[in-house]
Amino acid sequence: MLWAIISLAGSLNFQDIKLGVKWLIAFLCLTIFSGFIDSMLQEFRIEITPQITTLFFVLNIAIISIIVFVLNIYLLTKRDEAKAKVAEMSTLLKKMFGRYLSAEVMKTLIENPSALELGGERRKVTIMMTDLRGFTALSERLEPEQVVQMLNAYFEIMVDLVLKYNGTVNEFIGDALLVVFGAPQEMEDRTQRAVACSIEMQNAMVEVNKRNSAEGLPEIEMGIGLNETEVIVGNIGSSKRSKYAVVGSGVNLTSRIESYTVGGQILVSESVRKEAGESLRIDTQRDVFPKGAESSLRIYEVGGISGRYNLFLVKKVQVLSTLVRQIPLQYTVIEGKKVGEKGLEGYVVRLSKSSAEITLGDPAELLTNLKLKLKNVDEQLSARDFYGKVIKHSADKENTYIVFFTSLPPEVDAYFQACRQYDAVAIASEDA
């Protein structure tokens, strides 16, 4: 009986306690009733033989046992139901908050509630920043519902890959993604994981664009920047509203590195190259001077990683077609967020689907961003701005560069592809 009372006292459900008290009162009433019967027998001078005493004792024990048994069964059933409800609620909470917190952050908070307190710690981490090329201009031409649909489909695939490599999704910034490897949980091979994850993400863009095409949406391209750095990680904000975040100059530097990328490219800092070691396949390297930096920064283009992960970028083959008639254009140089006022003239010499060989009016540095528009075309087409990034010098041609298109309106793209098709037909006719 004592065990039943203890079990009852341990129940947090008020209705269960109330019902248990009723059972206890019933037991006390049974005991009082037994005493009353015993007194009545003595009053009427009915001889209480050992057999009668034994019978009453056995009867009381039997009734008490039945009460205790039923009560325990009831309590166990209610306890199992409570456990099931707790498990169901826990699953629901994980599903709800898992959409807003990374699995690692959520797990840390569940295991260590004190982690909810404001504060942080210094930690070595590898930071990944991704961004879609020309998405702002693209979103202006689409309906809001299409923009959201495209982003959700894109993030669905990218986030699954981040979680596969135990990365922490720290922030969605429009079409950009900020990911941390090495926090909140320590990760010895964080840099290699970040590189391998980046390669898989770039290769997965084929699937992203396949789905976009099926939905009648345009293709998109992504750039990725990686940086190994020391940051402050922890809960930042107020007691009413806070978030798990990373803070430090290394975060801004990662964003700068990513800004130098073109679609399908992965650029990493010197710190990533050193930490990852000889496992990286470096395709190119260059020195850049980010805005606000006191010295130049060397960045590396990664094409693969060997060893445990053994992954390589699947690159599209870009065939530049020589144009029979060069395409005249006007351009201005973009520095940071500003567009130069001076308009210069140039012309397209060769053309592929996403890049072109362009002769510019002035020399240009590698990774320079250009704002361009077509000349000698109808007014509607000439009003369409498009953007590109200088990625390579053309051999033996003065002021001629390979420019990768970072944002290309469909009207301009259609015009370019028509020019390529026309020149291909013209060349075939001449050969005939």
Foldseek 3Di string as FASTA:
>chain_A
DVVLVVLQVPDPDPVSVVVVVVLVVVLVVLVVVLVVVVVVCVVVPPDCDPVNVVVSVVVSVVVVVVSSVVSVVVSVVVVVVVVVVVVVVVVVVCVVCVVVWPPVVVVCCVVPVVLQDFDWDKWWKKKKKKAWFAVVVQVVVDDPVVLVVLLVLLVVVLVVLCVVLPWTFQDDDRSMTIIIFQPPHGDLLRLVSVVLSVQVSLQCLVVSQVVCVVVVHHRIFMFMFMETDMWIWGWDDDPVDTGTHTDDVRSVVRVQQRLLDAGSWYKYFPRSPVSLDPQWDFDDKDWADGPPDPDITIMTITAFGDDPSGGGHDDDDWDWAFFPDKFKKKKFWDDDNDTDPDIWIKTFGTDTLFKTKIATPDADDFSIKMWMATPPDDPVRRPDIWIWGFHAADPPDPRITITGTSHDDPVRSVVRVVRRVVRVVVVVVVVD
